[in-house]
């Protein structure tokens, strides 16, 4: 009798362990409900904060934004600290292979286009720059009128973008400086003639309070487009037409492995409401929101 009793006890225990394990693995969120973290490239924080605010107001969801540099985001995703991110690029083939090896198949949803803005103090005489001159600065070579570059973070997406443009692996030791925040970049550039700050345009169109105080002390440089030999500013129109040469596309990267808030947020930002938020922010939506035209037979007086 005791033998049968022990078998029953062991069977129940095994059942409870398996049940608990399955309940732990079961997603605690749906596409429109639950809580999760969202890794966000620091240069894109303003637009993402606005998208998240509207998303949360429409659905029973909570997305905790964690701003990081681009390099830190990729590292965090590979360490399972979060599986959803907003980046100014897609994952590389090597990064995709890593996630696939873990049985996660990332989905990358484009939702906007922005640009990298080059800011200088009001006292800087020159307001034009070429990609060739920018490349020289990235190689530590001094050029007339400009003394150097200032980044918010050596591991930021803007630093990676310009390193790729100049075909260099690392930032040079001379003529290039980096801080920890965009506030420091704007403050330093405003006070130092000839220094070029490298920032995401979202911080110009929708500046935080601490940035706004220095915004009227800086100008943005116009950049030469090598195709038509004309200079263009980082404006919504010049980015939309493809004329501003330092433009880039923004993506929501969802590597959750199930249809959770990553999927829901991706659909939202690329949908009608999300695209209107992008347009209003000064960036360029991937899908321009539709406008319904109503034709009337009479004119109201």
Foldseek 3Di string as FASTA:
>chain_A
DVVVVVVVVVVVVVVVVVVVVVVVVDDPFFQFADEFEEEEFQLCVVLVVVLQVVSVVVGHYYYHYDYDAPVVVLVCCLVVVHFKYKDLDDDDPVSQVSLVVVVWHKDKFFWFKFFKWKKAFPPQPAQADELVQLLCLQVQHDDPSAQAEEEQDQRHPQVVLNCVSNVHDGGDPHRYYYHNHVLVQLVVRLVDGRYIYIGICLCLLPNDPSNVVSNVRMDTHFYAQVPVRDTHHRFQVCVVVVNRPGMTIMIIMGRPNDRGNSVSSSCSLNDQVNNVSCVVSGIGTPDHHDDDDDDDPDDDD
